[in-house]
Every structure is written in C-alpha cells, then in structure tokens.
C-alpha cells in the first residue's frame, strides 16, 4: 500500500506523466514533499504501468504547480467528486473554453475553470 493517494489511470494515453522523483526535481523539493502534496490534494497522481505519475500539465513552464490547480481540486472534492472524476473532467475537451480545462488553467481562463467546477462540471 502506498503512503499517498494514487488513482486508476483514467487519462488518455497521450497525457504525459512525470514520475514522482521528476516532479520533486522540477519543484525543487524532496520526493517526500510531493507525497505530502498528494496526501493534501494539492496534486493528483495516477498509476500507469505500475508507476505513479503526475500529469505534466499540472506544472507550469517555471516548474511550479499550476496556480489554480490546488483550488480546483479542493472545489471538486468538496463537491464529492472522486480523484478519477476530477482527472477525467480536467482532461476532457470543452469547446466552450475552448480546449481542455487543464489547458485553460495555464491562461486567462483559469478562474473560469474553477467557477465551472464549483457550479457543476458534469
């Protein structure tokens, strides 16, 4: 049993995952801090081919966690969505954004993504 939550891989096969040591390196923290971030629901991980990984899109170009991601996860968990449902929603195309919510988190529509998640994403 792992010491951090790790979801089933519900992501499309083309979603790039970073293993936890690589996430730790990009964030400039020990891997145990990444485990804590997963326990605190600041990040989400999936297990693909037996290896835990965090979607690369959860980090920005500066190697930090995308600013609005922890808040989005909190809003959706408060709405009783599972980690798998959150991952599916974040990586599903939404023509009204346009694109995927995870892509919109990197731009001017980040607050809109969180607002929609609070309103009822599914």
PDB file of N, CA and C in Angstrom:
ATOM      1  N   UNK A   1       0.849  -1.181   0.000  1.00  0.00           N
ATOM      2  CA  UNK A   1       0.000   0.000   0.000  1.00  0.00           C
ATOM      3  C   UNK A   1       0.892   1.241   0.000  1.00  0.00           C
ATOM      4  N   UNK A   2       0.554   2.190  -0.855  1.00  0.00           N
ATOM      5  CA  UNK A   2       1.367   3.395  -0.950  1.00  0.00           C
ATOM      6  C   UNK A   2       1.006   4.369   0.169  1.00  0.00           C
ATOM      7  N   UNK A   3       1.944   5.256   0.457  1.00  0.00           N
ATOM      8  CA  UNK A   3       1.721   6.230   1.520  1.00  0.00           C
ATOM      9  C   UNK A   3       1.074   7.507   1.001  1.00  0.00           C
ATOM     10  N   UNK A   4       0.642   7.487  -0.257  1.00  0.00           N
ATOM     11  CA  UNK A   4      -0.002   8.645  -0.859  1.00  0.00           C
ATOM     12  C   UNK A   4      -1.091   8.147  -1.797  1.00  0.00           C
ATOM     13  N   UNK A   5      -2.136   8.966  -2.019  1.00  0.00           N
ATOM     14  CA  UNK A   5      -3.212   8.536  -2.915  1.00  0.00           C
ATOM     15  C   UNK A   5      -2.742   8.505  -4.365  1.00  0.00           C
ATOM     16  N   UNK A   6      -3.155   7.471  -5.062  1.00  0.00           N
ATOM     17  CA  UNK A   6      -2.802   7.312  -6.468  1.00  0.00           C
ATOM     18  C   UNK A   6      -4.012   6.703  -7.171  1.00  0.00           C
ATOM     19  N   UNK A   7      -4.547   7.402  -8.155  1.00  0.00           N
ATOM     20  CA  UNK A   7      -5.773   6.986  -8.834  1.00  0.00           C
ATOM     21  C   UNK A   7      -5.502   5.968  -9.925  1.00  0.00           C
ATOM     22  N   UNK A   8      -6.583   5.323 -10.342  1.00  0.00           N
ATOM     23  CA  UNK A   8      -6.521   4.492 -11.537  1.00  0.00           C
ATOM     24  C   UNK A   8      -6.213   5.411 -12.715  1.00  0.00           C
ATOM     25  N   UNK A   9      -5.563   4.880 -13.730  1.00  0.00           N
ATOM     26  CA  UNK A   9      -5.228   5.690 -14.897  1.00  0.00           C
ATOM     27  C   UNK A   9      -6.462   5.836 -15.784  1.00  0.00           C
ATOM     28  N   UNK A  10      -7.147   6.952 -15.640  1.00  0.00           N
ATOM     29  CA  UNK A  10      -8.340   7.247 -16.432  1.00  0.00           C
ATOM     30  C   UNK A  10      -8.022   8.262 -17.528  1.00  0.00           C
ATOM     31  N   UNK A  11      -6.762   8.583 -17.678  1.00  0.00           N
ATOM     32  CA  UNK A  11      -6.346   9.608 -18.635  1.00  0.00           C
ATOM     33  C   UNK A  11      -6.116   9.026 -20.012  1.00  0.00           C
ATOM     34  N   UNK A  12      -6.279   9.846 -21.042  1.00  0.00           N
ATOM     35  CA  UNK A  12      -5.924   9.392 -22.389  1.00  0.00           C
ATOM     36  C   UNK A  12      -4.446   8.990 -22.427  1.00  0.00           C
ATOM     37  N   UNK A  13      -4.133   8.048 -23.287  1.00  0.00           N
ATOM     38  CA  UNK A  13      -2.766   7.527 -23.360  1.00  0.00           C
ATOM     39  C   UNK A  13      -1.747   8.595 -23.746  1.00  0.00           C
ATOM     40  N   UNK A  14      -2.183   9.654 -24.422  1.00  0.00           N
ATOM     41  CA  UNK A  14      -1.234  10.681 -24.848  1.00  0.00           C
ATOM     42  C   UNK A  14      -0.923  11.724 -23.770  1.00  0.00           C
ATOM     43  N   UNK A  15      -1.539  11.608 -22.591  1.00  0.00           N
ATOM     44  CA  UNK A  15      -1.247  12.535 -21.498  1.00  0.00           C
ATOM     45  C   UNK A  15       0.104  12.150 -20.903  1.00  0.00           C
ATOM     46  N   UNK A  16       1.037  13.096 -20.956  1.00  0.00           N
ATOM     47  CA  UNK A  16       2.378  12.852 -20.426  1.00  0.00           C
ATOM     48  C   UNK A  16       2.348  12.859 -18.907  1.00  0.00           C
ATOM     49  N   UNK A  17       2.956  11.823 -18.328  1.00  0.00           N
ATOM     50  CA  UNK A  17       3.079  11.739 -16.879  1.00  0.00           C
ATOM     51  C   UNK A  17       4.535  11.914 -16.486  1.00  0.00           C
ATOM     52  N   UNK A  18       4.748  12.563 -15.356  1.00  0.00           N
ATOM     53  CA  UNK A  18       6.081  12.688 -14.771  1.00  0.00           C
ATOM     54  C   UNK A  18       6.130  11.808 -13.540  1.00  0.00           C
ATOM     55  N   UNK A  19       7.174  10.989 -13.412  1.00  0.00           N
ATOM     56  CA  UNK A  19       7.272  10.176 -12.198  1.00  0.00           C
ATOM     57  C   UNK A  19       7.557  11.109 -11.016  1.00  0.00           C
ATOM     58  N   UNK A  20       7.309  10.615  -9.828  1.00  0.00           N
ATOM     59  CA  UNK A  20       7.369  11.480  -8.649  1.00  0.00           C
ATOM     60  C   UNK A  20       8.751  12.074  -8.402  1.00  0.00           C
ATOM     61  N   UNK A  21       9.850  11.329  -8.612  1.00  0.00           N
ATOM     62  CA  UNK A  21      11.162  11.970  -8.464  1.00  0.00           C
ATOM     63  C   UNK A  21      11.371  13.130  -9.450  1.00  0.00           C
ATOM     64  N   UNK A  22      10.853  13.002 -10.664  1.00  0.00           N
ATOM     65  CA  UNK A  22      10.973  14.098 -11.633  1.00  0.00           C
ATOM     66  C   UNK A  22      10.140  15.307 -11.207  1.00  0.00           C
ATOM     67  N   UNK A  23       8.962  15.064 -10.648  1.00  0.00           N
ATOM     68  CA  UNK A  23       8.132  16.161 -10.135  1.00  0.00           C
ATOM     69  C   UNK A  23       8.886  16.868  -9.013  1.00  0.00           C
ATOM     70  N   UNK A  24       9.451  16.085  -8.105  1.00  0.00           N
ATOM     71  CA  UNK A  24      10.206  16.667  -6.990  1.00  0.00           C
ATOM     72  C   UNK A  24      11.363  17.521  -7.495  1.00  0.00           C
ATOM     73  N   UNK A  25      12.063  17.021  -8.505  1.00  0.00           N
ATOM     74  CA  UNK A  25      13.190  17.780  -9.063  1.00  0.00           C
ATOM     75  C   UNK A  25      12.719  19.096  -9.668  1.00  0.00           C
ATOM     76  N   UNK A  26      11.627  19.052 -10.437  1.00  0.00           N
ATOM     77  CA  UNK A  26      11.120  20.287 -11.046  1.00  0.00           C
ATOM     78  C   UNK A  26      10.656  21.290  -9.997  1.00  0.00           C
ATOM     79  N   UNK A  27      10.058  20.789  -8.928  1.00  0.00           N
ATOM     80  CA  UNK A  27       9.576  21.676  -7.871  1.00  0.00           C
ATOM     81  C   UNK A  27      10.693  22.112  -6.932  1.00  0.00           C
ATOM     82  N   UNK A  28      11.825  21.417  -6.987  1.00  0.00           N
ATOM     83  CA  UNK A  28      12.938  21.734  -6.099  1.00  0.00           C
ATOM     84  C   UNK A  28      12.687  21.331  -4.665  1.00  0.00           C
ATOM     85  N   UNK A  29      11.977  20.207  -4.497  1.00  0.00           N
ATOM     86  CA  UNK A  29      11.646  19.713  -3.160  1.00  0.00           C
ATOM     87  C   UNK A  29      11.980  18.221  -3.076  1.00  0.00           C
ATOM     88  N   UNK A  30      12.077  17.671  -1.880  1.00  0.00           N
ATOM     89  CA  UNK A  30      12.282  16.220  -1.757  1.00  0.00           C
ATOM     90  C   UNK A  30      11.031  15.465  -2.221  1.00  0.00           C
ATOM     91  N   UNK A  31      11.219  14.241  -2.652  1.00  0.00           N
ATOM     92  CA  UNK A  31      10.089  13.437  -3.133  1.00  0.00           C
ATOM     93  C   UNK A  31       9.060  13.226  -2.029  1.00  0.00           C
ATOM     94  N   UNK A  32       9.493  13.222  -0.783  1.00  0.00           N
ATOM     95  CA  UNK A  32       8.539  13.077   0.329  1.00  0.00           C
ATOM     96  C   UNK A  32       7.591  14.269   0.397  1.00  0.00           C
ATOM     97  N   UNK A  33       8.042  15.441  -0.046  1.00  0.00           N
ATOM     98  CA  UNK A  33       7.163  16.619  -0.100  1.00  0.00           C
ATOM     99  C   UNK A  33       6.099  16.438  -1.181  1.00  0.00           C
ATOM    100  N   UNK A  34       6.470  15.810  -2.305  1.00  0.00           N
ATOM    101  CA  UNK A  34       5.493  15.507  -3.355  1.00  0.00           C
ATOM    102  C   UNK A  34       4.454  14.529  -2.807  1.00  0.00           C
ATOM    103  N   UNK A  35       4.893  13.527  -2.054  1.00  0.00           N
ATOM    104  CA  UNK A  35       3.946  12.590  -1.423  1.00  0.00           C
ATOM    105  C   UNK A  35       2.962  13.364  -0.543  1.00  0.00           C
ATOM    106  N   UNK A  36       3.483  14.337   0.235  1.00  0.00           N
ATOM    107  CA  UNK A  36       2.620  15.132   1.105  1.00  0.00           C
ATOM    108  C   UNK A  36       1.645  15.972   0.287  1.00  0.00           C
ATOM    109  N   UNK A  37       2.112  16.531  -0.826  1.00  0.00           N
ATOM    110  CA  UNK A  37       1.230  17.317  -1.698  1.00  0.00           C
ATOM    111  C   UNK A  37       0.101  16.443  -2.240  1.00  0.00           C
ATOM    112  N   UNK A  38       0.385  15.190  -2.521  1.00  0.00           N
ATOM    113  CA  UNK A  38      -0.657  14.256  -2.980  1.00  0.00           C
ATOM    114  C   UNK A  38      -1.632  13.956  -1.850  1.00  0.00           C
ATOM    115  N   UNK A  39      -1.115  13.739  -0.642  1.00  0.00           N
ATOM    116  CA  UNK A  39      -1.994  13.492   0.507  1.00  0.00           C
ATOM    117  C   UNK A  39      -2.861  14.707   0.811  1.00  0.00           C
ATOM    118  N   UNK A  40      -2.292  15.913   0.605  1.00  0.00           N
ATOM    119  CA  UNK A  40      -3.020  17.157   0.882  1.00  0.00           C
ATOM    120  C   UNK A  40      -3.909  17.591  -0.287  1.00  0.00           C
ATOM    121  N   UNK A  41      -3.941  16.793  -1.357  1.00  0.00           N
ATOM    122  CA  UNK A  41      -4.765  17.058  -2.542  1.00  0.00           C
ATOM    123  C   UNK A  41      -4.380  18.364  -3.244  1.00  0.00           C
ATOM    124  N   UNK A  42      -3.102  18.696  -3.202  1.00  0.00           N
ATOM    125  CA  UNK A  42      -2.596  19.821  -3.991  1.00  0.00           C
ATOM    126  C   UNK A  42      -2.224  19.353  -5.393  1.00  0.00           C
ATOM    127  N   UNK A  43      -2.016  18.051  -5.526  1.00  0.00           N
ATOM    128  CA  UNK A  43      -1.717  17.389  -6.797  1.00  0.00           C
ATOM    129  C   UNK A  43      -2.499  16.090  -6.851  1.00  0.00           C
ATOM    130  N   UNK A  44      -2.639  15.542  -8.044  1.00  0.00           N
ATOM    131  CA  UNK A  44      -3.240  14.224  -8.227  1.00  0.00           C
ATOM    132  C   UNK A  44      -2.262  13.370  -9.024  1.00  0.00           C
ATOM    133  N   UNK A  45      -2.225  12.088  -8.710  1.00  0.00           N
ATOM    134  CA  UNK A  45      -1.355  11.156  -9.427  1.00  0.00           C
ATOM    135  C   UNK A  45      -2.176   9.966  -9.897  1.00  0.00           C
ATOM    136  N   UNK A  46      -1.681   9.337 -10.952  1.00  0.00           N
ATOM    137  CA  UNK A  46      -2.263   8.089 -11.443  1.00  0.00           C
ATOM    138  C   UNK A  46      -1.165   7.044 -11.511  1.00  0.00           C
ATOM    139  N   UNK A  47      -1.574   5.797 -11.524  1.00  0.00           N
ATOM    140  CA  UNK A  47      -0.614   4.711 -11.666  1.00  0.00           C
ATOM    141  C   UNK A  47      -0.752   4.148 -13.072  1.00  0.00           C
ATOM    142  N   UNK A  48       0.315   4.298 -13.860  1.00  0.00           N
ATOM    143  CA  UNK A  48       0.348   3.806 -15.237  1.00  0.00           C
ATOM    144  C   UNK A  48       1.500   2.813 -15.336  1.00  0.00           C
ATOM    145  N   UNK A  49       1.177   1.610 -15.780  1.00  0.00           N
ATOM    146  CA  UNK A  49       2.180   0.553 -15.896  1.00  0.00           C
ATOM    147  C   UNK A  49       2.925   0.343 -14.581  1.00  0.00           C
ATOM    148  N   UNK A  50       2.215   0.466 -13.483  1.00  0.00           N
ATOM    149  CA  UNK A  50       2.788   0.211 -12.163  1.00  0.00           C
ATOM    150  C   UNK A  50       3.585   1.354 -11.573  1.00  0.00           C
ATOM    151  N   UNK A  51       3.681   2.475 -12.283  1.00  0.00           N
ATOM    152  CA  UNK A  51       4.479   3.610 -11.816  1.00  0.00           C
ATOM    153  C   UNK A  51       3.565   4.800 -11.572  1.00  0.00           C
ATOM    154  N   UNK A  52       3.711   5.412 -10.397  1.00  0.00           N
ATOM    155  CA  UNK A  52       2.922   6.601 -10.072  1.00  0.00           C
ATOM    156  C   UNK A  52       3.457   7.792 -10.845  1.00  0.00           C
ATOM    157  N   UNK A  53       2.524   8.564 -11.404  1.00  0.00           N
ATOM    158  CA  UNK A  53       2.927   9.747 -12.150  1.00  0.00           C
ATOM    159  C   UNK A  53       1.918  10.870 -12.021  1.00  0.00           C
ATOM    160  N   UNK A  54       2.418  12.071 -12.154  1.00  0.00           N
ATOM    161  CA  UNK A  54       1.603  13.283 -12.120  1.00  0.00           C
ATOM    162  C   UNK A  54       1.544  13.829 -13.541  1.00  0.00           C
ATOM    163  N   UNK A  55       0.365  14.207 -14.020  1.00  0.00           N
ATOM    164  CA  UNK A  55       0.302  14.799 -15.358  1.00  0.00           C
ATOM    165  C   UNK A  55       1.239  16.005 -15.485  1.00  0.00           C
ATOM    166  N   UNK A  56       2.027  16.025 -16.536  1.00  0.00           N
ATOM    167  CA  UNK A  56       2.988  17.106 -16.753  1.00  0.00           C
ATOM    168  C   UNK A  56       2.286  18.458 -16.841  1.00  0.00           C
ATOM    169  N   UNK A  57       1.057  18.497 -17.332  1.00  0.00           N
ATOM    170  CA  UNK A  57       0.306  19.758 -17.466  1.00  0.00           C
ATOM    171  C   UNK A  57      -0.073  20.358 -16.113  1.00  0.00           C
ATOM    172  N   UNK A  58       0.123  19.608 -15.024  1.00  0.00           N
ATOM    173  CA  UNK A  58      -0.145  20.153 -13.692  1.00  0.00           C
ATOM    174  C   UNK A  58       0.970  21.080 -13.225  1.00  0.00           C
ATOM    175  N   UNK A  59       2.067  21.128 -13.983  1.00  0.00           N
ATOM    176  CA  UNK A  59       3.169  22.028 -13.668  1.00  0.00           C
ATOM    177  C   UNK A  59       3.251  23.087 -14.751  1.00  0.00           C
ATOM    178  N   UNK A  60       3.671  24.298 -14.378  1.00  0.00           N
ATOM    179  CA  UNK A  60       3.787  25.358 -15.372  1.00  0.00           C
ATOM    180  C   UNK A  60       5.193  25.393 -15.952  1.00  0.00           C
ATOM    181  N   UNK A  61       5.435  26.329 -16.838  1.00  0.00           N
ATOM    182  CA  UNK A  61       6.722  26.421 -17.535  1.00  0.00           C
ATOM    183  C   UNK A  61       7.875  26.707 -16.573  1.00  0.00           C
ATOM    184  N   UNK A  62       7.579  27.296 -15.428  1.00  0.00           N
ATOM    185  CA  UNK A  62       8.610  27.599 -14.436  1.00  0.00           C
ATOM    186  C   UNK A  62       8.882  26.435 -13.497  1.00  0.00           C
ATOM    187  N   UNK A  63       8.179  25.304 -13.702  1.00  0.00           N
ATOM    188  CA  UNK A  63       8.385  24.145 -12.853  1.00  0.00           C
ATOM    189  C   UNK A  63       7.659  24.222 -11.525  1.00  0.00           C
ATOM    190  N   UNK A  64       6.604  25.000 -11.456  1.00  0.00           N
ATOM    191  CA  UNK A  64       5.782  25.101 -10.250  1.00  0.00           C
ATOM    192  C   UNK A  64       4.419  24.489 -10.535  1.00  0.00           C
ATOM    193  N   UNK A  65       3.700  24.146  -9.474  1.00  0.00           N
ATOM    194  CA  UNK A  65       2.335  23.654  -9.637  1.00  0.00           C
ATOM    195  C   UNK A  65       1.499  24.794 -10.220  1.00  0.00           C
ATOM    196  N   UNK A  66       0.677  24.484 -11.214  1.00  0.00           N
ATOM    197  CA  UNK A  66      -0.201  25.489 -11.812  1.00  0.00           C
ATOM    198  C   UNK A  66      -1.000  26.146 -10.682  1.00  0.00           C
ATOM    199  N   UNK A  67      -1.003  27.456 -10.675  1.00  0.00           N
ATOM    200  CA  UNK A  67      -1.514  28.244  -9.555  1.00  0.00           C
ATOM    201  C   UNK A  67      -2.911  27.844  -9.085  1.00  0.00           C
ATOM    202  N   UNK A  68      -3.840  27.668  -9.994  1.00  0.00           N
ATOM    203  CA  UNK A  68      -5.231  27.420  -9.604  1.00  0.00           C
ATOM    204  C   UNK A  68      -5.551  25.936  -9.382  1.00  0.00           C
ATOM    205  N   UNK A  69      -4.596  25.040  -9.650  1.00  0.00           N
ATOM    206  CA  UNK A  69      -4.880  23.607  -9.549  1.00  0.00           C
ATOM    207  C   UNK A  69      -5.292  23.163  -8.146  1.00  0.00           C
ATOM    208  N   UNK A  70      -4.557  23.503  -7.085  1.00  0.00           N
ATOM    209  CA  UNK A  70      -4.997  23.047  -5.751  1.00  0.00           C
ATOM    210  C   UNK A  70      -6.406  23.512  -5.404  1.00  0.00           C
ATOM    211  N   UNK A  71      -6.748  24.750  -5.766  1.00  0.00           N
ATOM    212  CA  UNK A  71      -8.101  25.253  -5.504  1.00  0.00           C
ATOM    213  C   UNK A  71      -9.150  24.505  -6.298  1.00  0.00           C
ATOM    214  N   UNK A  72      -8.834  24.193  -7.551  1.00  0.00           N
ATOM    215  CA  UNK A  72      -9.759  23.418  -8.380  1.00  0.00           C
ATOM    216  C   UNK A  72     -10.003  22.039  -7.771  1.00  0.00           C
ATOM    217  N   UNK A  73      -8.944  21.377  -7.342  1.00  0.00           N
ATOM    218  CA  UNK A  73      -9.083  20.054  -6.728  1.00  0.00           C
ATOM    219  C   UNK A  73      -9.949  20.162  -5.474  1.00  0.00           C
ATOM    220  N   UNK A  74      -9.713  21.175  -4.654  1.00  0.00           N
ATOM    221  CA  UNK A  74     -10.491  21.354  -3.423  1.00  0.00           C
ATOM    222  C   UNK A  74     -11.966  21.571  -3.730  1.00  0.00           C
ATOM    223  N   UNK A  75     -12.254  22.444  -4.692  1.00  0.00           N
ATOM    224  CA  UNK A  75     -13.650  22.732  -5.056  1.00  0.00           C
ATOM    225  C   UNK A  75     -14.355  21.461  -5.515  1.00  0.00           C
ATOM    226  N   UNK A  76     -13.679  20.679  -6.348  1.00  0.00           N
ATOM    227  CA  UNK A  76     -14.325  19.472  -6.874  1.00  0.00           C
ATOM    228  C   UNK A  76     -14.443  18.387  -5.798  1.00  0.00           C
ATOM    229  N   UNK A  77     -13.450  18.255  -4.941  1.00  0.00           N
ATOM    230  CA  UNK A  77     -13.557  17.275  -3.850  1.00  0.00           C
ATOM    231  C   UNK A  77     -14.669  17.673  -2.885  1.00  0.00           C
ATOM    232  N   UNK A  78     -14.811  18.975  -2.633  1.00  0.00           N
ATOM    233  CA  UNK A  78     -15.914  19.451  -1.788  1.00  0.00           C
ATOM    234  C   UNK A  78     -17.259  19.134  -2.430  1.00  0.00           C
ATOM    235  N   UNK A  79     -17.286  19.080  -3.754  1.00  0.00           N
ATOM    236  CA  UNK A  79     -18.495  18.714  -4.488  1.00  0.00           C
ATOM    237  C   UNK A  79     -18.690  17.210  -4.587  1.00  0.00           C
ATOM    238  N   UNK A  80     -17.877  16.455  -3.867  1.00  0.00           N
ATOM    239  CA  UNK A  80     -17.968  14.988  -3.762  1.00  0.00           C
ATOM    240  C   UNK A  80     -17.504  14.246  -5.012  1.00  0.00           C
ATOM    241  N   UNK A  81     -16.675  14.897  -5.831  1.00  0.00           N
ATOM    242  CA  UNK A  81     -16.108  14.205  -6.995  1.00  0.00           C
ATOM    243  C   UNK A  81     -14.884  13.413  -6.563  1.00  0.00           C
ATOM    244  N   UNK A  82     -14.737  12.233  -7.139  1.00  0.00           N
ATOM    245  CA  UNK A  82     -13.565  11.408  -6.851  1.00  0.00           C
ATOM    246  C   UNK A  82     -12.366  11.962  -7.616  1.00  0.00           C
ATOM    247  N   UNK A  83     -11.182  11.521  -7.219  1.00  0.00           N
ATOM    248  CA  UNK A  83      -9.983  11.945  -7.935  1.00  0.00           C
ATOM    249  C   UNK A  83     -10.052  11.534  -9.401  1.00  0.00           C
ATOM    250  N   UNK A  84     -10.585  10.341  -9.675  1.00  0.00           N
ATOM    251  CA  UNK A  84     -10.713   9.878 -11.057  1.00  0.00           C
ATOM    252  C   UNK A  84     -11.653  10.778 -11.857  1.00  0.00           C
ATOM    253  N   UNK A  85     -12.768  11.182 -11.238  1.00  0.00           N
ATOM    254  CA  UNK A  85     -13.710  12.073 -11.922  1.00  0.00           C
ATOM    255  C   UNK A  85     -13.083  13.445 -12.171  1.00  0.00           C
ATOM    256  N   UNK A  86     -12.308  13.924 -11.226  1.00  0.00           N
ATOM    257  CA  UNK A  86     -11.619  15.204 -11.409  1.00  0.00           C
ATOM    258  C   UNK A  86     -10.661  15.107 -12.588  1.00  0.00           C
ATOM    259  N   UNK A  87      -9.866  14.054 -12.615  1.00  0.00           N
ATOM    260  CA  UNK A  87      -8.907  13.870 -13.710  1.00  0.00           C
ATOM    261  C   UNK A  87      -9.610  13.780 -15.058  1.00  0.00           C
ATOM    262  N   UNK A  88     -10.698  13.024 -15.106  1.00  0.00           N
ATOM    263  CA  UNK A  88     -11.438  12.897 -16.366  1.00  0.00           C
ATOM    264  C   UNK A  88     -11.954  14.254 -16.823  1.00  0.00           C
ATOM    265  N   UNK A  89     -12.536  15.031 -15.913  1.00  0.00           N
ATOM    266  CA  UNK A  89     -13.102  16.333 -16.282  1.00  0.00           C
ATOM    267  C   UNK A  89     -12.016  17.290 -16.753  1.00  0.00           C
ATOM    268  N   UNK A  90     -10.905  17.326 -16.038  1.00  0.00           N
ATOM    269  CA  UNK A  90      -9.831  18.260 -16.352  1.00  0.00           C
ATOM    270  C   UNK A  90      -9.209  17.973 -17.722  1.00  0.00           C
ATOM    271  N   UNK A  91      -9.226  16.707 -18.147  1.00  0.00           N
ATOM    272  CA  UNK A  91      -8.608  16.335 -19.420  1.00  0.00           C
ATOM    273  C   UNK A  91      -9.621  16.052 -20.532  1.00  0.00           C
ATOM    274  N   UNK A  92     -10.869  16.485 -20.362  1.00  0.00           N
ATOM    275  CA  UNK A  92     -11.893  16.312 -21.388  1.00  0.00           C
ATOM    276  C   UNK A  92     -12.089  17.626 -22.136  1.00  0.00           C
ATOM    277  N   UNK A  93     -12.113  17.530 -23.460  1.00  0.00           N
ATOM    278  CA  UNK A  93     -12.314  18.729 -24.281  1.00  0.00           C
ATOM    279  C   UNK A  93     -13.619  19.427 -23.926  1.00  0.00           C
ATOM    280  N   UNK A  94     -13.550  20.745 -23.852  1.00  0.00           N
ATOM    281  CA  UNK A  94     -14.720  21.579 -23.616  1.00  0.00           C
ATOM    282  C   UNK A  94     -14.697  22.688 -24.668  1.00  0.00           C
ATOM    283  N   UNK A  95     -15.534  22.569 -25.706  1.00  0.00           N
ATOM    284  CA  UNK A  95     -15.487  23.547 -26.790  1.00  0.00           C
ATOM    285  C   UNK A  95     -15.834  24.968 -26.360  1.00  0.00           C
ATOM    286  N   UNK A  96     -16.438  25.133 -25.191  1.00  0.00           N
ATOM    287  CA  UNK A  96     -16.778  26.482 -24.748  1.00  0.00           C
ATOM    288  C   UNK A  96     -15.601  27.198 -24.096  1.00  0.00           C
ATOM    289  N   UNK A  97     -14.502  26.494 -23.827  1.00  0.00           N
ATOM    290  CA  UNK A  97     -13.353  27.171 -23.207  1.00  0.00           C
ATOM    291  C   UNK A  97     -12.471  27.920 -24.205  1.00  0.00           C
ATOM    292  N   UNK A  98     -12.040  27.509 -25.273  1.00  0.00           N
ATOM    293  CA  UNK A  98     -12.038  26.193 -25.918  1.00  0.00           C
ATOM    294  C   UNK A  98     -10.858  25.352 -25.433  1.00  0.00           C
ATOM    295  N   UNK A  99     -10.985  24.050 -25.616  1.00  0.00           N
ATOM    296  CA  UNK A  99      -9.929  23.118 -25.216  1.00  0.00           C
ATOM    297  C   UNK A  99     -10.276  22.382 -23.948  1.00  0.00           C
ATOM    298  N   UNK A 100      -9.252  21.897 -23.307  1.00  0.00           N
ATOM    299  CA  UNK A 100      -9.422  21.153 -22.063  1.00  0.00           C
ATOM    300  C   UNK A 100      -9.270  22.103 -20.876  1.00  0.00           C
ATOM    301  N   UNK A 101      -9.988  21.846 -19.785  1.00  0.00           N
ATOM    302  CA  UNK A 101      -9.817  22.682 -18.598  1.00  0.00           C
ATOM    303  C   UNK A 101      -8.357  22.769 -18.137  1.00  0.00           C
ATOM    304  N   UNK A 102      -7.608  21.670 -18.242  1.00  0.00           N
ATOM    305  CA  UNK A 102      -6.210  21.705 -17.799  1.00  0.00           C
ATOM    306  C   UNK A 102      -5.409  22.712 -18.611  1.00  0.00           C
ATOM    307  N   UNK A 103      -5.730  22.876 -19.887  1.00  0.00           N
ATOM    308  CA  UNK A 103      -5.036  23.865 -20.713  1.00  0.00           C
ATOM    309  C   UNK A 103      -5.446  25.280 -20.316  1.00  0.00           C
ATOM    310  N   UNK A 104      -6.730  25.455 -20.023  1.00  0.00           N
ATOM    311  CA  UNK A 104      -7.232  26.769 -19.626  1.00  0.00           C
ATOM    312  C   UNK A 104      -6.643  27.221 -18.287  1.00  0.00           C
ATOM    313  N   UNK A 105      -6.253  26.275 -17.433  1.00  0.00           N
ATOM    314  CA  UNK A 105      -5.630  26.630 -16.153  1.00  0.00           C
ATOM    315  C   UNK A 105      -4.315  27.382 -16.342  1.00  0.00           C
ATOM    316  N   UNK A 106      -3.725  27.251 -17.513  1.00  0.00           N
ATOM    317  CA  UNK A 106      -2.439  27.901 -17.790  1.00  0.00           C
ATOM    318  C   UNK A 106      -2.614  29.312 -18.351  1.00  0.00           C
ATOM    319  N   UNK A 107      -3.845  29.776 -18.493  1.00  0.00           N
ATOM    320  CA  UNK A 107      -4.054  31.087 -19.110  1.00  0.00           C
ATOM    321  C   UNK A 107      -5.074  31.925 -18.373  1.00  0.00           C
ATOM    322  N   UNK A 108      -5.664  32.829 -19.147  1.00  0.00           N
ATOM    323  CA  UNK A 108      -6.618  33.794 -18.594  1.00  0.00           C
ATOM    324  C   UNK A 108      -7.934  33.174 -18.142  1.00  0.00           C
ATOM    325  N   UNK A 109      -8.201  31.947 -18.545  1.00  0.00           N
ATOM    326  CA  UNK A 109      -9.477  31.311 -18.202  1.00  0.00           C
ATOM    327  C   UNK A 109      -9.403  30.437 -16.945  1.00  0.00           C
ATOM    328  N   UNK A 110      -8.316  30.516 -16.197  1.00  0.00           N
ATOM    329  CA  UNK A 110      -8.149  29.664 -15.017  1.00  0.00           C
ATOM    330  C   UNK A 110      -9.277  29.849 -13.999  1.00  0.00           C
ATOM    331  N   UNK A 111      -9.624  31.091 -13.725  1.00  0.00           N
ATOM    332  CA  UNK A 111     -10.713  31.343 -12.755  1.00  0.00           C
ATOM    333  C   UNK A 111     -12.050  30.823 -13.286  1.00  0.00           C
ATOM    334  N   UNK A 112     -12.243  30.912 -14.584  1.00  0.00           N
ATOM    335  CA  UNK A 112     -13.473  30.395 -15.198  1.00  0.00           C
ATOM    336  C   UNK A 112     -13.563  28.880 -15.021  1.00  0.00           C
ATOM    337  N   UNK A 113     -12.447  28.188 -15.122  1.00  0.00           N
ATOM    338  CA  UNK A 113     -12.428  26.738 -14.927  1.00  0.00           C
ATOM    339  C   UNK A 113     -12.870  26.407 -13.500  1.00  0.00           C
ATOM    340  N   UNK A 114     -12.323  27.107 -12.528  1.00  0.00           N
ATOM    341  CA  UNK A 114     -12.693  26.854 -11.122  1.00  0.00           C
ATOM    342  C   UNK A 114     -14.163  27.208 -10.897  1.00  0.00           C
ATOM    343  N   UNK A 115     -14.628  28.293 -11.503  1.00  0.00           N
ATOM    344  CA  UNK A 115     -16.042  28.675 -11.361  1.00  0.00           C
ATOM    345  C   UNK A 115     -16.946  27.586 -11.913  1.00  0.00           C
ATOM    346  N   UNK A 116     -16.601  27.062 -13.096  1.00  0.00           N
ATOM    347  CA  UNK A 116     -17.413  25.996 -13.688  1.00  0.00           C
ATOM    348  C   UNK A 116     -17.384  24.734 -12.845  1.00  0.00           C
ATOM    349  N   UNK A 117     -16.242  24.428 -12.284  1.00  0.00           N
ATOM    350  CA  UNK A 117     -16.134  23.241 -11.429  1.00  0.00           C
ATOM    351  C   UNK A 117     -17.018  23.387 -10.198  1.00  0.00           C
ATOM    352  N   UNK A 118     -17.083  24.592  -9.656  1.00  0.00           N
ATOM    353  CA  UNK A 118     -17.923  24.844  -8.476  1.00  0.00           C
ATOM    354  C   UNK A 118     -19.403  24.788  -8.843  1.00  0.00           C
ATOM    355  N   UNK A 119     -19.740  25.190 -10.072  1.00  0.00           N
ATOM    356  CA  UNK A 119     -21.140  25.244 -10.494  1.00  0.00           C
ATOM    357  C   UNK A 119     -21.710  23.848 -10.752  1.00  0.00           C
ATOM    358  N   UNK A 120     -20.921  22.940 -11.281  1.00  0.00           N
ATOM    359  CA  UNK A 120     -21.338  21.568 -11.566  1.00  0.00           C
ATOM    360  C   UNK A 120     -20.683  21.141 -12.878  1.00  0.00           C
ATOM    361  N   UNK A 121     -19.506  20.567 -12.808  1.00  0.00           N
ATOM    362  CA  UNK A 121     -18.767  20.276 -14.019  1.00  0.00           C
ATOM    363  C   UNK A 121     -19.370  19.201 -14.912  1.00  0.00           C
ATOM    364  N   UNK A 122     -20.089  18.245 -14.338  1.00  0.00           N
ATOM    365  CA  UNK A 122     -20.600  17.143 -15.167  1.00  0.00           C
ATOM    366  C   UNK A 122     -22.071  17.302 -15.445  1.00  0.00           C
TER     367      UNK A 122
END
